[in-house]
């Protein structure tokens, strides 16, 4: 065998988030301590930025004496936070966002849309709708979505 290029192996350091974190990304034992990004068990730059945004938002809300928030569970950030804080497994491992982490469509929609691409498009549509409603509820604006709507 001839090696054209050696691969890389990297070590992923992460905490056992299901035992340590809540869906708000704060620790269960020390509620004023938040974690985000790869150390929580999310993989990827976008996933890490998303959890960092939510953890930062919640840290600010805690400092101001406001209620902490969870992202909608059918959104990518909400699904990842639910996974890292609640998955029941003996061997917790990091994940990227996948459609498998999102809430399953209701049976009637799964029957109506049998094609996977159609189902995924419906999931995205529902997630964006819920995301925008959630941002309005917490008094934040999503200018990127406002321009495209």
C-alpha atoms as a PDB file:
ATOM      1  CA  UNK A   1       0.000   0.000   0.000  1.00  0.00           C
ATOM      2  CA  UNK A   2       1.152   3.484  -0.798  1.00  0.00           C
ATOM      3  CA  UNK A   3       0.047   6.340   1.439  1.00  0.00           C
ATOM      4  CA  UNK A   4      -0.631   9.544  -0.482  1.00  0.00           C
ATOM      5  CA  UNK A   5      -1.411  11.576   2.599  1.00  0.00           C
ATOM      6  CA  UNK A   6      -1.525  10.697   6.252  1.00  0.00           C
ATOM      7  CA  UNK A   7      -4.794  11.363   8.010  1.00  0.00           C
ATOM      8  CA  UNK A   8      -5.311  13.247  11.191  1.00  0.00           C
ATOM      9  CA  UNK A   9      -6.608  11.973  14.443  1.00  0.00           C
ATOM     10  CA  UNK A  10      -7.822  14.487  16.930  1.00  0.00           C
ATOM     11  CA  UNK A  11      -8.940  14.069  20.459  1.00  0.00           C
ATOM     12  CA  UNK A  12     -12.326  15.418  21.358  1.00  0.00           C
ATOM     13  CA  UNK A  13     -12.569  16.594  24.941  1.00  0.00           C
ATOM     14  CA  UNK A  14     -16.117  16.962  26.214  1.00  0.00           C
ATOM     15  CA  UNK A  15     -18.074  16.777  29.437  1.00  0.00           C
ATOM     16  CA  UNK A  16     -20.789  14.237  30.226  1.00  0.00           C
ATOM     17  CA  UNK A  17     -23.435  16.843  29.474  1.00  0.00           C
ATOM     18  CA  UNK A  18     -26.556  14.749  30.187  1.00  0.00           C
ATOM     19  CA  UNK A  19     -25.411  14.381  33.796  1.00  0.00           C
ATOM     20  CA  UNK A  20     -24.151  17.954  34.130  1.00  0.00           C
ATOM     21  CA  UNK A  21     -26.228  20.364  32.011  1.00  0.00           C
ATOM     22  CA  UNK A  22     -29.796  21.589  31.742  1.00  0.00           C
ATOM     23  CA  UNK A  23     -31.390  22.570  28.401  1.00  0.00           C
ATOM     24  CA  UNK A  24     -30.463  26.189  29.202  1.00  0.00           C
ATOM     25  CA  UNK A  25     -26.799  25.058  29.102  1.00  0.00           C
ATOM     26  CA  UNK A  26     -26.225  25.856  32.758  1.00  0.00           C
ATOM     27  CA  UNK A  27     -24.826  23.294  35.151  1.00  0.00           C
ATOM     28  CA  UNK A  28     -27.260  21.508  37.435  1.00  0.00           C
ATOM     29  CA  UNK A  29     -25.099  21.902  40.539  1.00  0.00           C
ATOM     30  CA  UNK A  30     -23.874  25.457  39.945  1.00  0.00           C
ATOM     31  CA  UNK A  31     -26.603  27.352  38.040  1.00  0.00           C
ATOM     32  CA  UNK A  32     -24.436  30.426  37.420  1.00  0.00           C
ATOM     33  CA  UNK A  33     -21.980  28.348  35.353  1.00  0.00           C
ATOM     34  CA  UNK A  34     -22.733  27.786  31.657  1.00  0.00           C
ATOM     35  CA  UNK A  35     -21.064  25.640  29.012  1.00  0.00           C
ATOM     36  CA  UNK A  36     -21.303  25.841  25.220  1.00  0.00           C
ATOM     37  CA  UNK A  37     -19.597  24.580  22.091  1.00  0.00           C
ATOM     38  CA  UNK A  38     -17.622  21.407  21.584  1.00  0.00           C
ATOM     39  CA  UNK A  39     -17.022  20.846  25.281  1.00  0.00           C
ATOM     40  CA  UNK A  40     -20.784  20.216  25.671  1.00  0.00           C
ATOM     41  CA  UNK A  41     -20.805  17.492  23.035  1.00  0.00           C
ATOM     42  CA  UNK A  42     -21.947  19.375  19.960  1.00  0.00           C
ATOM     43  CA  UNK A  43     -19.835  18.939  16.848  1.00  0.00           C
ATOM     44  CA  UNK A  44     -19.266  21.636  14.272  1.00  0.00           C
ATOM     45  CA  UNK A  45     -18.642  25.334  14.054  1.00  0.00           C
ATOM     46  CA  UNK A  46     -22.271  26.353  13.506  1.00  0.00           C
ATOM     47  CA  UNK A  47     -23.473  24.116  16.329  1.00  0.00           C
ATOM     48  CA  UNK A  48     -20.825  25.546  18.653  1.00  0.00           C
ATOM     49  CA  UNK A  49     -21.681  29.134  17.756  1.00  0.00           C
ATOM     50  CA  UNK A  50     -25.402  28.441  18.233  1.00  0.00           C
ATOM     51  CA  UNK A  51     -24.954  26.953  21.686  1.00  0.00           C
ATOM     52  CA  UNK A  52     -22.557  29.761  22.597  1.00  0.00           C
ATOM     53  CA  UNK A  53     -25.168  32.316  21.586  1.00  0.00           C
ATOM     54  CA  UNK A  54     -27.834  30.631  23.714  1.00  0.00           C
ATOM     55  CA  UNK A  55     -25.526  30.149  26.716  1.00  0.00           C
ATOM     56  CA  UNK A  56     -24.460  33.800  26.502  1.00  0.00           C
ATOM     57  CA  UNK A  57     -28.055  34.948  26.226  1.00  0.00           C
ATOM     58  CA  UNK A  58     -29.010  32.866  29.260  1.00  0.00           C
ATOM     59  CA  UNK A  59     -26.010  34.057  31.281  1.00  0.00           C
ATOM     60  CA  UNK A  60     -27.102  37.639  30.571  1.00  0.00           C
ATOM     61  CA  UNK A  61     -30.691  36.862  31.520  1.00  0.00           C
ATOM     62  CA  UNK A  62     -29.541  35.221  34.769  1.00  0.00           C
ATOM     63  CA  UNK A  63     -27.397  38.262  35.635  1.00  0.00           C
ATOM     64  CA  UNK A  64     -30.414  40.517  35.028  1.00  0.00           C
ATOM     65  CA  UNK A  65     -32.724  38.350  37.121  1.00  0.00           C
ATOM     66  CA  UNK A  66     -34.770  37.309  34.069  1.00  0.00           C
ATOM     67  CA  UNK A  67     -36.151  33.850  33.318  1.00  0.00           C
ATOM     68  CA  UNK A  68     -33.836  31.601  31.337  1.00  0.00           C
ATOM     69  CA  UNK A  69     -34.985  30.364  27.958  1.00  0.00           C
ATOM     70  CA  UNK A  70     -34.800  27.197  25.887  1.00  0.00           C
ATOM     71  CA  UNK A  71     -34.773  27.320  22.101  1.00  0.00           C
ATOM     72  CA  UNK A  72     -37.718  25.627  20.372  1.00  0.00           C
ATOM     73  CA  UNK A  73     -37.054  21.892  20.389  1.00  0.00           C
ATOM     74  CA  UNK A  74     -37.854  21.565  16.699  1.00  0.00           C
ATOM     75  CA  UNK A  75     -35.037  24.015  15.873  1.00  0.00           C
ATOM     76  CA  UNK A  76     -31.426  22.951  15.416  1.00  0.00           C
ATOM     77  CA  UNK A  77     -30.212  24.732  18.553  1.00  0.00           C
ATOM     78  CA  UNK A  78     -33.139  23.500  20.632  1.00  0.00           C
ATOM     79  CA  UNK A  79     -32.699  19.925  19.423  1.00  0.00           C
ATOM     80  CA  UNK A  80     -28.977  19.974  20.202  1.00  0.00           C
ATOM     81  CA  UNK A  81     -29.561  21.415  23.676  1.00  0.00           C
ATOM     82  CA  UNK A  82     -32.224  18.785  24.340  1.00  0.00           C
ATOM     83  CA  UNK A  83     -29.834  16.054  23.157  1.00  0.00           C
ATOM     84  CA  UNK A  84     -26.798  17.133  25.187  1.00  0.00           C
ATOM     85  CA  UNK A  85     -28.843  17.653  28.344  1.00  0.00           C
ATOM     86  CA  UNK A  86     -31.239  14.707  28.164  1.00  0.00           C
ATOM     87  CA  UNK A  87     -29.974  11.835  26.019  1.00  0.00           C
ATOM     88  CA  UNK A  88     -30.037   8.545  27.893  1.00  0.00           C
ATOM     89  CA  UNK A  89     -26.961   6.550  27.016  1.00  0.00           C
ATOM     90  CA  UNK A  90     -24.125   4.866  28.851  1.00  0.00           C
ATOM     91  CA  UNK A  91     -21.581   6.209  26.361  1.00  0.00           C
ATOM     92  CA  UNK A  92     -22.421   9.864  25.587  1.00  0.00           C
ATOM     93  CA  UNK A  93     -20.780  10.986  22.345  1.00  0.00           C
ATOM     94  CA  UNK A  94     -20.723  14.344  20.524  1.00  0.00           C
ATOM     95  CA  UNK A  95     -23.062  14.933  17.562  1.00  0.00           C
ATOM     96  CA  UNK A  96     -23.664  17.329  14.697  1.00  0.00           C
ATOM     97  CA  UNK A  97     -27.180  18.486  14.006  1.00  0.00           C
ATOM     98  CA  UNK A  98     -29.146  15.998  11.927  1.00  0.00           C
ATOM     99  CA  UNK A  99     -32.810  15.700  11.031  1.00  0.00           C
ATOM    100  CA  UNK A 100     -32.873  12.702  13.371  1.00  0.00           C
ATOM    101  CA  UNK A 101     -32.431  15.023  16.370  1.00  0.00           C
ATOM    102  CA  UNK A 102     -35.402  17.192  15.412  1.00  0.00           C
ATOM    103  CA  UNK A 103     -38.867  16.417  16.704  1.00  0.00           C
ATOM    104  CA  UNK A 104     -40.614  13.853  14.554  1.00  0.00           C
ATOM    105  CA  UNK A 105     -43.413  15.135  12.339  1.00  0.00           C
ATOM    106  CA  UNK A 106     -46.949  14.225  13.403  1.00  0.00           C
ATOM    107  CA  UNK A 107     -48.191  10.946  11.922  1.00  0.00           C
ATOM    108  CA  UNK A 108     -50.627  12.690   9.578  1.00  0.00           C
ATOM    109  CA  UNK A 109     -47.776  14.680   7.983  1.00  0.00           C
ATOM    110  CA  UNK A 110     -45.513  11.624   7.779  1.00  0.00           C
ATOM    111  CA  UNK A 111     -48.283   9.799   5.903  1.00  0.00           C
ATOM    112  CA  UNK A 112     -48.933  12.779   3.627  1.00  0.00           C
ATOM    113  CA  UNK A 113     -45.254  13.369   2.833  1.00  0.00           C
ATOM    114  CA  UNK A 114     -43.624   9.989   2.314  1.00  0.00           C
ATOM    115  CA  UNK A 115     -40.623  11.417   0.451  1.00  0.00           C
ATOM    116  CA  UNK A 116     -37.741  12.187   2.836  1.00  0.00           C
ATOM    117  CA  UNK A 117     -36.876  15.482   1.120  1.00  0.00           C
ATOM    118  CA  UNK A 118     -40.466  16.673   1.419  1.00  0.00           C
ATOM    119  CA  UNK A 119     -40.580  15.716   5.101  1.00  0.00           C
ATOM    120  CA  UNK A 120     -37.307  17.529   5.740  1.00  0.00           C
ATOM    121  CA  UNK A 121     -38.612  20.630   3.930  1.00  0.00           C
ATOM    122  CA  UNK A 122     -41.712  20.586   6.162  1.00  0.00           C
ATOM    123  CA  UNK A 123     -39.514  20.203   9.272  1.00  0.00           C
ATOM    124  CA  UNK A 124     -37.414  23.195   8.186  1.00  0.00           C
ATOM    125  CA  UNK A 125     -40.525  25.261   7.458  1.00  0.00           C
ATOM    126  CA  UNK A 126     -42.022  24.454  10.867  1.00  0.00           C
ATOM    127  CA  UNK A 127     -38.713  25.121  12.637  1.00  0.00           C
ATOM    128  CA  UNK A 128     -38.296  28.534  10.999  1.00  0.00           C
ATOM    129  CA  UNK A 129     -41.877  29.503  11.866  1.00  0.00           C
ATOM    130  CA  UNK A 130     -41.422  28.456  15.505  1.00  0.00           C
ATOM    131  CA  UNK A 131     -37.961  30.087  15.639  1.00  0.00           C
ATOM    132  CA  UNK A 132     -39.317  33.452  14.453  1.00  0.00           C
ATOM    133  CA  UNK A 133     -42.237  33.277  16.893  1.00  0.00           C
ATOM    134  CA  UNK A 134     -39.801  32.436  19.698  1.00  0.00           C
ATOM    135  CA  UNK A 135     -37.487  35.327  18.793  1.00  0.00           C
ATOM    136  CA  UNK A 136     -40.470  37.694  18.854  1.00  0.00           C
ATOM    137  CA  UNK A 137     -41.575  36.303  22.206  1.00  0.00           C
ATOM    138  CA  UNK A 138     -38.155  36.907  23.766  1.00  0.00           C
ATOM    139  CA  UNK A 139     -37.918  40.308  22.043  1.00  0.00           C
ATOM    140  CA  UNK A 140     -35.114  39.501  19.610  1.00  0.00           C
ATOM    141  CA  UNK A 141     -35.173  40.061  15.868  1.00  0.00           C
ATOM    142  CA  UNK A 142     -33.856  37.782  13.169  1.00  0.00           C
ATOM    143  CA  UNK A 143     -32.978  40.281  10.447  1.00  0.00           C
ATOM    144  CA  UNK A 144     -31.733  37.591   8.058  1.00  0.00           C
ATOM    145  CA  UNK A 145     -35.141  35.942   7.963  1.00  0.00           C
ATOM    146  CA  UNK A 146     -37.017  39.253   7.840  1.00  0.00           C
ATOM    147  CA  UNK A 147     -35.173  40.220   4.642  1.00  0.00           C
ATOM    148  CA  UNK A 148     -35.963  36.925   2.915  1.00  0.00           C
ATOM    149  CA  UNK A 149     -39.633  36.829   3.942  1.00  0.00           C
END
